[in-house]
C-alpha cells in the first residue's frame, strides 16, 4: 500500500513510454475518472483539479474527480500520497521524488487499468500529476505564458510497462518574482491586497509547480502577511526571502526618519526582524534568508554614517546580524533552515576571508546579474546559487531574453559538478520575457546530467526541443539559427562575454546624454562609469561615452539586421496557431533591439554634429526609432496580454526616454523646455513607489 513505501529502483526517463510493440495499454479519454481520496492534502487536491482542467484542454471536457475508485477493469488515474492507493505501487523514497506507474487494480484481470501518480512526499506527488500532463497529455508546463494550447485528442494511450521514479538533483529550486513592474501594471492587485492580482499569482504558481519548483520569493518589497504568501503555502510551496528582505522584513518600508543601523542602535532592527518572522502564516514552510544590506538594496554603510570603514569591520556587522537573526528564528520555529545570499559585497568579504558563516547556514553564490557566478572557482558541495534570467540594473534585459544557454550550461553545470546543489533561486523578474531560458534553468536543476561534462550538449538539445515544441518541426531549424544569432548580436561595451547591451542599457545611455544636454549633469553617468569598459579604456565624460557607444552600436547594427532577416525567414514556417507567440517571443525582441540600437546611433551622431540642421535631423530620427521600439512592445500585447509591456513600464520606461527626446527637440527649436521631463528622468524611486502603492502607508517595524 502507498502508506507503507519501500525503496523503488529509479528508472530512466527514457523508459517512460512503452515500446511500440507493447499491446496492453491504459487508454485515457475524457470519461476516465481522476481518483483522489477526499482526505488527501489541499495542495494535492488542487493538483487534481489542474489535471481535470488539462483534460478539458486536451479532450474538450473537464475530467471527473471522484473519491471512490471505479470497478476493476475500468481505466482510471489514481492520485495518492497520504492515503490508500492501488496495491503493487509503492511510494519512492527520498526528497520530492515522483512516481508514475501503470498497474492493474485488485480484482481485475488482464491488461493494466490504472495510472498511479504518487511521490515520496507531498510535492513529489504533485510533480507526478504535472509530469503526467506534460508527458502524456502534451500540456506545455508554461502553456499559460507561451499561449500554447495542447493538441486536441480523443484518447491517450499509456503503455503497460510505464514506470518512472525521478527526483531532483538541486534540492531547492525557486523563482524570484523581482522588479515586477510589468506584472503589477498589467493586472494590479489592490482589491486583493497585493501588488499583482491573485488570479495572476495563481498562474505563476501553476507554472512553477509544472516546472517542478519548490520555493518562491513572492515579490521585491512585500510584507510576510500579504495574501500571495498564504497562496504559495496553500499550494504546498516553500516561502523564502531575497538578500535584502532577510527574515521577511520589508526594508523598503522602513521609516525614512528612522535610521536603519545595526551598529548605532541594533534593538529596533532586532524587534523588526522578530515581528516580521512571526507574521508568516503558521502553515507556511519557510527557508530563512539571513544577512544584512541597506534598506534600498545598497551596502548598509551607505545608509549608516557610523558604519566601519574597513571590510573587516563591515563583515563583522553582517555576521552579528546573521547571529541575531538565527537566534530570533530558532525562538519562533523548530528546525529552521538558513541561507545567506552573498550578493555583491558579501561575496567580496567571503573571498577576502573576513566574513565567515555559521556551519548551519548555506552559502549561496550569486551571479553578476548576467549569468556568471561570482564564486571565483570556489563552488563546493552543499552550497547553492542565485541566478538571473532577467535583471534590472540599468544595463540588462527586462523586456527580452539575454543570457545565452551556453552560459547557463557552463555556470550551473559547474555547480552541479561541484555538488553545490542545495539551493537554486532563479530571478525571473516578470517571467513572460524570459520563458525560454527560465524553463532551461529549471529543467537543468531537476536533471543536469545532459548538461554537464566536457562533451555536454544540453544547451543545443534543449534549444532544438524548445523550438520544435513551441514553433513546430518545420520552423525549428530556423528558430535555432535565430536564437544563435540573437544572443551574439547585442552592442558590446566591454571585453567580458556578458558586457552586452540588454534592452535597458540603450535607454540609460540615451537618458545620460539627454539629461546632460538639458540640465548640465547626469546621475546616469555615475552608474555607467564603473560598468562600461571598452577594451580596458573607460570613458572620460558623456561625450567620450557617446563616441565609444557610437562605434559599438554601428558594429551591432549589422548583426541585428541579420537577426531580423532570420526572424523573417522563420515566420512563414511557423504554424498559424503559434503566430502570436512568434510575434511576442521572436519578432518583438529583435525589433526592440534593432530600433533601440539605432536610437543610440542617432543620438550619438546628433551629439557629434556641428550644425543645427544635422542635430535636428538626427534627433528626429532618434525619436522615430524610440517610437518604433515602443510599437514593437505594443505588437506583443495581443489577446490576454493587452498592455503587458506598457501599462507598468516604470523601470525601463520608454516613455521617459521619449519625453526627454521631445524636451530636447523643444530646446533645439527654441521652445520652452518642460522641466517635468528632466525631473521625472532623475526620479529613481518612481517605479518602486508604483509597484508598492497598494501597501499605502504601512511601515516595516
Foldseek 3Di string as FASTA:
>chain_A
DAQDFDADDADDPVLQAPDPPFDFWAKDFQAAAEEEAPPPALLVVVLSQVLQVLNCLAAVHGHHYDHDDDDFPAAHEYQDENDDDAPPDYAHADALKKKWAFAGHPPYDDGTRYIYIYYNDDLSSSLSSLCCCCPWSVQDLLCVLLVDRTHHDGITIGGRGRIHIFFFLQRAEEEEQELQLLQQLQAQPLVQLASHNVVVLVSVLSSCSSLPHAEYADYDADAQQRPSLVVCLSNVHAYEHDQACFLRFRLLQADPVDQPDCPPDVVVVLVLSLVRNQNHPPSHHYATEAWHAPSVPHRNCVRPVPQDPDLLRSLVSRQVRRVSNVVSVVVPDPPHAAEYECPDSNLVCVVVVSHDHPPRYAYEFEAPQQLHTPNVPPQAARHHYEYEQFDFQLFAADQAGAHALLSLLVRVLSNSVRNNRHYYYYHCHNVSRRVLVVSLNSVCRRPVVQSYDPPRDSRVVSLLVVLCSQFNDQLSVLVSVLSVLVNVQFQAQDDDSRRGGYLSNLLLLLLQVLLCVVPVGDPSCVSCQVPGAHHNDTADGSLRVLVVLLVRLVVRLVSLVVSQVSLVVSQVRGDPSSNLSSLSHRVLVSLLRNLSSLLSNLCSVLVVDDDLVSVLVSLVSSLVSLVSNVVSVCSNCPDSNPCSCPSSVQRSCSVLSNLSSVLVNCVSVVHHRDCVSSVSSRPNCVNVCSSCVSVPSDHSD
